Amino acid sequence: MVKTLFEKLEENIKRWAKVTIYLMIGGISSAILQYWEIIVPNLSNEVIGFVITCIGIAVIIFYVRAIGKDMSELTKEVRRGFDRLVTTLNKIPKKLSNSQSKNSEEEEEIKTSGAGALAGMIGGGAIGLIGGPIGVLVGGIIGALIGYQLEYEQERERRKAERERKKNNKLNL
């Protein structure tokens, strides 16, 4: 049976939910281990530290392996999709392809200065201060993406207006 994208997504969500539950159990266990003298009075701090370190290493190894499996599956899926796209594009008539490639070349020439991304990163990071260090990181990334997109759209609109202005000037002459 071929799995759909939603079935794969559901499977991944279940797996990550399971991991989250394991992490919660680990957190509760570590909270209990902080008061180890109540549970087992004969254990030393070094033994408890060693146990917690081993649990942490096991969780990291589990995450790395899970991410590695997901990435290999994702890479295969992207490669298959790209191959399908290439075969579909090869079926398009050459005249249509040439006229569209001229438009896409014009679009590809649009380059931004990076000022929008920088301003967005600073603004997003400032807003993200509410969430602490992770909030600054996420806010900065989202702000940079939004800033870049705004600058790109602004440049595209400027070029479009410039082309229309040139076109109108030619018509007026």
Foldseek 3Di string as FASTA:
>chain_A
DDDDPVNVVVVVVVVVVVLVVVVVVLVVVLVVLVPVCVVPVPDDPVVSVVVNVVVVVVSVVVVVVVVVVVVVVVVVVVVVVVVVVVVVVVPDDPVVVVVVVVVVVVLVPQDFPQPQLVVQLVVQLVVLVVVPPVSSVVRNVVRSVVRVVVRSVVSVVVVVVVVVVVVVVVVVD
